[in-house]
C-alpha atoms as a PDB file:
ATOM      1  CA  MET A   1      46.138 207.290 -13.970  1.00  0.00           C
ATOM      2  CA  ARG A   2      45.735 211.099 -14.684  1.00  0.00           C
ATOM      3  CA  LYS A   3      41.744 212.060 -14.854  1.00  0.00           C
ATOM      4  CA  ASN A   4      41.538 214.387 -17.978  1.00  0.00           C
ATOM      5  CA  ARG A   5      38.386 217.287 -17.667  1.00  0.00           C
ATOM      6  CA  LEU A   6      37.676 219.897 -19.354  1.00  0.00           C
ATOM      7  CA  VAL A   7      36.345 222.974 -16.956  1.00  0.00           C
ATOM      8  CA  LYS A   8      35.985 226.579 -18.225  1.00  0.00           C
ATOM      9  CA  VAL A   9      36.982 228.483 -14.864  1.00  0.00           C
ATOM     10  CA  LYS A  10      35.930 231.939 -13.347  1.00  0.00           C
ATOM     11  CA  ARG A  11      38.641 233.831 -10.946  1.00  0.00           C
ATOM     12  CA  ARG A  12      38.753 233.232  -7.711  1.00  0.00           C
ATOM     13  CA  ARG A  13      40.654 233.805  -4.661  1.00  0.00           C
ATOM     14  CA  THR A  14      43.552 230.842  -4.435  1.00  0.00           C
ATOM     15  CA  GLY A  15      44.528 231.037  -1.202  1.00  0.00           C
ATOM     16  CA  LYS A  16      48.094 230.942   0.421  1.00  0.00           C
ATOM     17  CA  MET A  17      49.004 231.137  -3.519  1.00  0.00           C
ATOM     18  CA  GLU A  18      48.271 234.869  -3.049  1.00  0.00           C
ATOM     19  CA  LYS A  19      49.844 235.362  -0.027  1.00  0.00           C
ATOM     20  CA  TYR A  20      53.245 234.439  -2.063  1.00  0.00           C
ATOM     21  CA  PHE A  21      52.316 236.640  -4.809  1.00  0.00           C
ATOM     22  CA  GLU A  22      51.198 239.802  -2.627  1.00  0.00           C
ATOM     23  CA  LYS A  23      53.235 239.568   0.630  1.00  0.00           C
ATOM     24  CA  HIS A  24      56.086 237.674  -0.102  1.00  0.00           C
ATOM     25  CA  PHE A  25      57.397 238.482  -3.951  1.00  0.00           C
ATOM     26  CA  PRO A  26      56.930 242.523  -3.370  1.00  0.00           C
ATOM     27  CA  LEU A  27      59.732 242.324  -0.355  1.00  0.00           C
ATOM     28  CA  ILE A  28      62.414 240.178  -2.522  1.00  0.00           C
ATOM     29  CA  ILE A  29      61.822 240.963  -5.667  1.00  0.00           C
ATOM     30  CA  GLU A  30      62.587 244.257  -7.062  1.00  0.00           C
ATOM     31  CA  ASN A  31      59.684 246.309  -9.070  1.00  0.00           C
ATOM     32  CA  TYR A  32      57.736 243.587  -8.945  1.00  0.00           C
ATOM     33  CA  GLU A  33      53.897 244.016 -10.422  1.00  0.00           C
ATOM     34  CA  LYS A  34      51.127 242.116  -8.562  1.00  0.00           C
ATOM     35  CA  ARG A  35      49.374 240.127 -11.458  1.00  0.00           C
ATOM     36  CA  GLU A  36      46.422 238.558 -11.142  1.00  0.00           C
ATOM     37  CA  GLY A  37      46.140 236.221 -14.017  1.00  0.00           C
ATOM     38  CA  GLN A  38      49.341 235.235 -12.638  1.00  0.00           C
ATOM     39  CA  ILE A  39      47.919 234.305  -8.941  1.00  0.00           C
ATOM     40  CA  PHE A  40      44.624 232.383 -10.358  1.00  0.00           C
ATOM     41  CA  MET A  41      47.059 230.799 -12.563  1.00  0.00           C
ATOM     42  CA  ALA A  42      49.043 229.467  -9.795  1.00  0.00           C
ATOM     43  CA  GLY A  43      45.897 228.569  -7.541  1.00  0.00           C
ATOM     44  CA  LEU A  44      45.146 225.953 -10.790  1.00  0.00           C
ATOM     45  CA  ILE A  45      48.141 224.738 -11.139  1.00  0.00           C
ATOM     46  CA  LYS A  46      48.076 223.811  -6.968  1.00  0.00           C
ATOM     47  CA  GLN A  47      45.051 222.144  -7.459  1.00  0.00           C
ATOM     48  CA  ALA A  48      45.923 220.561 -10.491  1.00  0.00           C
ATOM     49  CA  ILE A  49      49.207 219.303  -9.160  1.00  0.00           C
ATOM     50  CA  ASN A  50      46.939 218.205  -5.869  1.00  0.00           C
ATOM     51  CA  ASN A  51      44.016 216.133  -7.318  1.00  0.00           C
ATOM     52  CA  ASN A  52      46.591 214.740 -10.026  1.00  0.00           C
ATOM     53  CA  GLU A  53      45.323 216.081 -12.968  1.00  0.00           C
ATOM     54  CA  ASN A  54      46.292 217.126 -16.330  1.00  0.00           C
ATOM     55  CA  LEU A  55      46.074 220.976 -17.119  1.00  0.00           C
ATOM     56  CA  ILE A  56      46.538 223.128 -20.319  1.00  0.00           C
ATOM     57  CA  ILE A  57      46.519 226.549 -19.664  1.00  0.00           C
ATOM     58  CA  GLU A  58      47.371 229.211 -22.820  1.00  0.00           C
ATOM     59  CA  ALA A  59      48.669 232.416 -21.604  1.00  0.00           C
ATOM     60  CA  GLY A  60      50.218 235.757 -23.302  1.00  0.00           C
ATOM     61  CA  THR A  61      53.505 237.276 -22.947  1.00  0.00           C
ATOM     62  CA  GLY A  62      54.048 238.725 -19.580  1.00  0.00           C
ATOM     63  CA  ILE A  63      51.158 237.020 -17.976  1.00  0.00           C
ATOM     64  CA  GLY A  64      53.856 235.713 -14.977  1.00  0.00           C
ATOM     65  CA  LYS A  65      53.832 231.836 -16.463  1.00  0.00           C
ATOM     66  CA  THR A  66      57.527 231.144 -15.453  1.00  0.00           C
ATOM     67  CA  PHE A  67      56.593 231.919 -11.329  1.00  0.00           C
ATOM     68  CA  ALA A  68      52.750 231.030 -11.919  1.00  0.00           C
ATOM     69  CA  TYR A  69      53.792 226.998 -12.033  1.00  0.00           C
ATOM     70  CA  LEU A  70      57.684 226.877 -10.528  1.00  0.00           C
ATOM     71  CA  LEU A  71      55.786 228.387  -6.544  1.00  0.00           C
ATOM     72  CA  PRO A  72      53.074 225.812  -6.188  1.00  0.00           C
ATOM     73  CA  ALA A  73      55.376 222.959  -7.804  1.00  0.00           C
ATOM     74  CA  ALA A  74      57.833 224.188  -5.233  1.00  0.00           C
ATOM     75  CA  GLU A  75      55.525 224.589  -2.711  1.00  0.00           C
ATOM     76  CA  ILE A  76      53.947 220.572  -3.209  1.00  0.00           C
ATOM     77  CA  ALA A  77      57.857 219.368  -3.257  1.00  0.00           C
ATOM     78  CA  ILE A  78      58.833 220.574  -0.106  1.00  0.00           C
ATOM     79  CA  ASN A  79      55.691 219.790   1.859  1.00  0.00           C
ATOM     80  CA  LYS A  80      55.360 216.138   0.311  1.00  0.00           C
ATOM     81  CA  LYS A  81      59.241 216.139   0.347  1.00  0.00           C
ATOM     82  CA  LYS A  82      59.183 214.749  -3.132  1.00  0.00           C
ATOM     83  CA  LYS A  83      60.851 216.084  -6.330  1.00  0.00           C
ATOM     84  CA  VAL A  84      59.564 218.127  -8.809  1.00  0.00           C
ATOM     85  CA  ILE A  85      60.253 217.947 -13.020  1.00  0.00           C
ATOM     86  CA  VAL A  86      59.392 221.011 -14.879  1.00  0.00           C
ATOM     87  CA  SER A  87      59.990 220.934 -18.708  1.00  0.00           C
ATOM     88  CA  THR A  88      59.328 223.788 -20.899  1.00  0.00           C
END
């Protein structure tokens, strides 16, 4: 059963997720711009998936929501050899 909780979060370093956004994406995506909100969001999403929690995030246009949810989902799917379904 999924756990539901409401939390206020402060920006913090997100570990491995940062590596992708800061080191790898600039090498493979032309004109990639690092977005702190995107990195932070990816860390929250990874944490929620790992803890089997629901997560609702509201973010404005241009924050980079697509990469922020696809990257941790893909990483976890690959590491755990499981499928991921994304619905937008």
